[in-house]
């Protein structure tokens, strides 16, 4: 790894990218397991999860969270 120091802004951007990556990972985990959500509410919960993830993404300057 390079010994060059990152600026505080670069560190912040990298931290935001990692947070968005973690949101995507949680979304995928939930899609795979459906943990603790009644089957009749999975679609509603999925829409809420997407909306809240997008809200967090906008805080960091993204248009929406990526769920790939």
N, C-alpha and C. Protein backbone atom coordinates (compact mmCIF):
# COMPACT_ATOMS: atom_id res chain seq x y z
N UNK A 1 0.84 -1.17 0.00
CA UNK A 1 0.00 0.00 0.00
C UNK A 1 0.88 1.24 0.00
N UNK A 2 0.41 2.25 -0.66
CA UNK A 2 1.16 3.50 -0.77
C UNK A 2 1.31 4.17 0.58
N UNK A 3 2.42 4.84 0.75
CA UNK A 3 2.68 5.56 2.00
C UNK A 3 2.16 7.00 1.94
N UNK A 4 1.62 7.40 0.78
CA UNK A 4 1.08 8.74 0.66
C UNK A 4 -0.11 8.91 1.60
N UNK A 5 -0.16 10.06 2.24
CA UNK A 5 -1.27 10.34 3.15
C UNK A 5 -2.45 10.89 2.36
N UNK A 6 -3.64 10.48 2.77
CA UNK A 6 -4.86 11.01 2.17
C UNK A 6 -5.28 12.27 2.91
N UNK A 7 -5.94 13.14 2.20
CA UNK A 7 -6.47 14.33 2.86
C UNK A 7 -7.67 13.91 3.70
N UNK A 8 -8.06 14.77 4.59
CA UNK A 8 -9.24 14.49 5.43
C UNK A 8 -10.48 14.30 4.54
N UNK A 9 -10.58 15.09 3.50
CA UNK A 9 -11.71 14.97 2.57
C UNK A 9 -11.69 13.62 1.87
N UNK A 10 -10.52 13.16 1.45
CA UNK A 10 -10.41 11.86 0.81
C UNK A 10 -10.77 10.73 1.78
N UNK A 11 -10.33 10.85 3.01
CA UNK A 11 -10.69 9.85 4.03
C UNK A 11 -12.19 9.82 4.25
N UNK A 12 -12.81 10.99 4.32
CA UNK A 12 -14.25 11.08 4.52
C UNK A 12 -14.99 10.43 3.36
N UNK A 13 -14.58 10.69 2.13
CA UNK A 13 -15.21 10.12 0.95
C UNK A 13 -15.08 8.60 0.96
N UNK A 14 -13.90 8.10 1.31
CA UNK A 14 -13.70 6.65 1.38
C UNK A 14 -14.60 6.02 2.45
N UNK A 15 -14.74 6.70 3.59
CA UNK A 15 -15.62 6.21 4.66
C UNK A 15 -17.07 6.17 4.18
N UNK A 16 -17.49 7.20 3.47
CA UNK A 16 -18.86 7.23 2.94
C UNK A 16 -19.08 6.11 1.94
N UNK A 17 -18.11 5.86 1.09
CA UNK A 17 -18.21 4.76 0.13
C UNK A 17 -18.35 3.42 0.85
N UNK A 18 -17.59 3.24 1.91
CA UNK A 18 -17.66 1.99 2.68
C UNK A 18 -19.02 1.84 3.35
N UNK A 19 -19.56 2.92 3.87
CA UNK A 19 -20.89 2.86 4.49
C UNK A 19 -21.93 2.47 3.45
N UNK A 20 -21.85 3.05 2.26
CA UNK A 20 -22.79 2.69 1.20
C UNK A 20 -22.63 1.23 0.80
N UNK A 21 -21.40 0.76 0.78
CA UNK A 21 -21.15 -0.66 0.48
C UNK A 21 -21.80 -1.55 1.54
N UNK A 22 -21.69 -1.17 2.80
CA UNK A 22 -22.29 -1.96 3.88
C UNK A 22 -23.81 -1.97 3.76
N UNK A 23 -24.40 -0.83 3.38
CA UNK A 23 -25.86 -0.79 3.19
C UNK A 23 -26.26 -1.78 2.10
N UNK A 24 -25.51 -1.82 1.02
CA UNK A 24 -25.80 -2.76 -0.06
C UNK A 24 -25.69 -4.20 0.42
N UNK A 25 -24.68 -4.49 1.22
CA UNK A 25 -24.48 -5.85 1.74
C UNK A 25 -25.65 -6.26 2.63
N UNK A 26 -26.11 -5.35 3.48
CA UNK A 26 -27.24 -5.66 4.37
C UNK A 26 -28.49 -5.92 3.54
N UNK A 27 -28.70 -5.09 2.52
CA UNK A 27 -29.87 -5.28 1.66
C UNK A 27 -29.85 -6.66 1.02
N UNK A 28 -28.68 -7.06 0.51
CA UNK A 28 -28.57 -8.39 -0.10
C UNK A 28 -28.80 -9.49 0.92
N UNK A 29 -28.27 -9.32 2.11
CA UNK A 29 -28.47 -10.32 3.17
C UNK A 29 -29.96 -10.45 3.47
N UNK A 30 -30.62 -9.31 3.60
CA UNK A 30 -32.05 -9.36 3.89
C UNK A 30 -32.81 -10.03 2.75
N UNK A 31 -32.49 -9.69 1.51
CA UNK A 31 -33.17 -10.29 0.36
C UNK A 31 -32.98 -11.81 0.36
N UNK A 32 -31.83 -12.26 0.79
CA UNK A 32 -31.56 -13.70 0.81
C UNK A 32 -32.23 -14.42 1.97
N UNK A 33 -32.41 -13.73 3.10
CA UNK A 33 -32.91 -14.41 4.30
C UNK A 33 -34.31 -13.99 4.72
N UNK A 34 -34.69 -12.73 4.50
CA UNK A 34 -36.00 -12.24 4.93
C UNK A 34 -36.17 -12.28 6.43
N UNK A 35 -35.08 -12.16 7.13
CA UNK A 35 -35.03 -12.31 8.58
C UNK A 35 -36.10 -11.49 9.30
N UNK A 36 -36.90 -12.17 10.10
CA UNK A 36 -37.85 -11.58 11.04
C UNK A 36 -38.91 -10.68 10.43
N UNK A 37 -39.18 -10.81 9.15
CA UNK A 37 -40.24 -10.04 8.51
C UNK A 37 -41.32 -11.02 8.06
N UNK A 38 -42.55 -10.84 8.53
CA UNK A 38 -43.63 -11.74 8.09
C UNK A 38 -43.76 -11.72 6.57
N UNK A 39 -44.07 -12.85 5.98
CA UNK A 39 -44.11 -12.96 4.52
C UNK A 39 -45.06 -11.95 3.90
N UNK A 40 -46.14 -11.61 4.55
CA UNK A 40 -47.09 -10.64 4.01
C UNK A 40 -46.59 -9.21 4.03
N UNK A 41 -45.47 -8.97 4.70
CA UNK A 41 -44.94 -7.61 4.79
C UNK A 41 -43.57 -7.45 4.13
N UNK A 42 -43.09 -8.49 3.48
CA UNK A 42 -41.75 -8.43 2.87
C UNK A 42 -41.66 -7.34 1.81
N UNK A 43 -42.66 -7.25 0.95
CA UNK A 43 -42.63 -6.24 -0.11
C UNK A 43 -42.66 -4.82 0.47
N UNK A 44 -43.50 -4.62 1.47
CA UNK A 44 -43.57 -3.31 2.13
C UNK A 44 -42.23 -2.97 2.79
N UNK A 45 -41.66 -3.95 3.50
CA UNK A 45 -40.38 -3.72 4.17
C UNK A 45 -39.28 -3.43 3.16
N UNK A 46 -39.28 -4.15 2.05
CA UNK A 46 -38.28 -3.93 1.01
C UNK A 46 -38.35 -2.49 0.49
N UNK A 47 -39.56 -1.99 0.27
CA UNK A 47 -39.73 -0.61 -0.21
C UNK A 47 -39.24 0.40 0.83
N UNK A 48 -39.52 0.13 2.09
CA UNK A 48 -39.06 1.02 3.16
C UNK A 48 -37.54 0.98 3.26
N UNK A 49 -36.97 -0.21 3.20
CA UNK A 49 -35.51 -0.36 3.27
C UNK A 49 -34.84 0.40 2.13
N UNK A 50 -35.38 0.27 0.92
CA UNK A 50 -34.83 0.98 -0.23
C UNK A 50 -34.94 2.49 -0.04
N UNK A 51 -36.09 2.97 0.42
CA UNK A 51 -36.29 4.40 0.63
C UNK A 51 -35.30 4.95 1.66
N UNK A 52 -35.12 4.23 2.75
CA UNK A 52 -34.20 4.69 3.80
C UNK A 52 -32.75 4.63 3.35
N UNK A 53 -32.40 3.61 2.57
CA UNK A 53 -31.04 3.51 2.04
C UNK A 53 -30.77 4.67 1.08
N UNK A 54 -31.76 5.00 0.25
CA UNK A 54 -31.61 6.14 -0.66
C UNK A 54 -31.47 7.45 0.12
N UNK A 55 -32.18 7.56 1.19
CA UNK A 55 -32.09 8.75 2.04
C UNK A 55 -30.67 8.91 2.58
N UNK A 56 -30.09 7.82 3.06
CA UNK A 56 -28.71 7.85 3.55
C UNK A 56 -27.75 8.19 2.42
N UNK A 57 -28.00 7.64 1.25
CA UNK A 57 -27.14 7.89 0.09
C UNK A 57 -27.13 9.38 -0.26
N UNK A 58 -28.28 10.01 -0.22
CA UNK A 58 -28.34 11.44 -0.56
C UNK A 58 -27.53 12.28 0.43
N UNK A 59 -27.42 11.85 1.67
CA UNK A 59 -26.58 12.57 2.64
C UNK A 59 -25.13 12.64 2.18
N UNK A 60 -24.72 11.63 1.41
CA UNK A 60 -23.34 11.54 0.94
C UNK A 60 -23.18 11.98 -0.50
N UNK A 61 -24.23 12.56 -1.07
CA UNK A 61 -24.12 13.11 -2.41
C UNK A 61 -24.44 12.14 -3.54
N UNK A 62 -24.92 10.96 -3.21
CA UNK A 62 -25.35 10.01 -4.23
C UNK A 62 -26.83 10.25 -4.53
N UNK A 63 -27.29 9.87 -5.71
CA UNK A 63 -28.70 9.99 -6.04
C UNK A 63 -29.52 8.93 -5.32
N UNK A 64 -28.95 7.74 -5.26
CA UNK A 64 -29.64 6.64 -4.59
C UNK A 64 -28.62 5.59 -4.16
N UNK A 65 -29.07 4.70 -3.29
CA UNK A 65 -28.20 3.61 -2.85
C UNK A 65 -28.13 2.58 -3.96
N UNK A 66 -26.99 1.92 -4.10
CA UNK A 66 -26.90 0.87 -5.11
C UNK A 66 -27.22 -0.45 -4.46
N UNK A 67 -28.02 -1.20 -5.16
CA UNK A 67 -28.48 -2.49 -4.64
C UNK A 67 -28.15 -3.60 -5.63
N UNK A 68 -26.95 -3.54 -6.18
CA UNK A 68 -26.56 -4.52 -7.20
C UNK A 68 -26.04 -5.80 -6.59
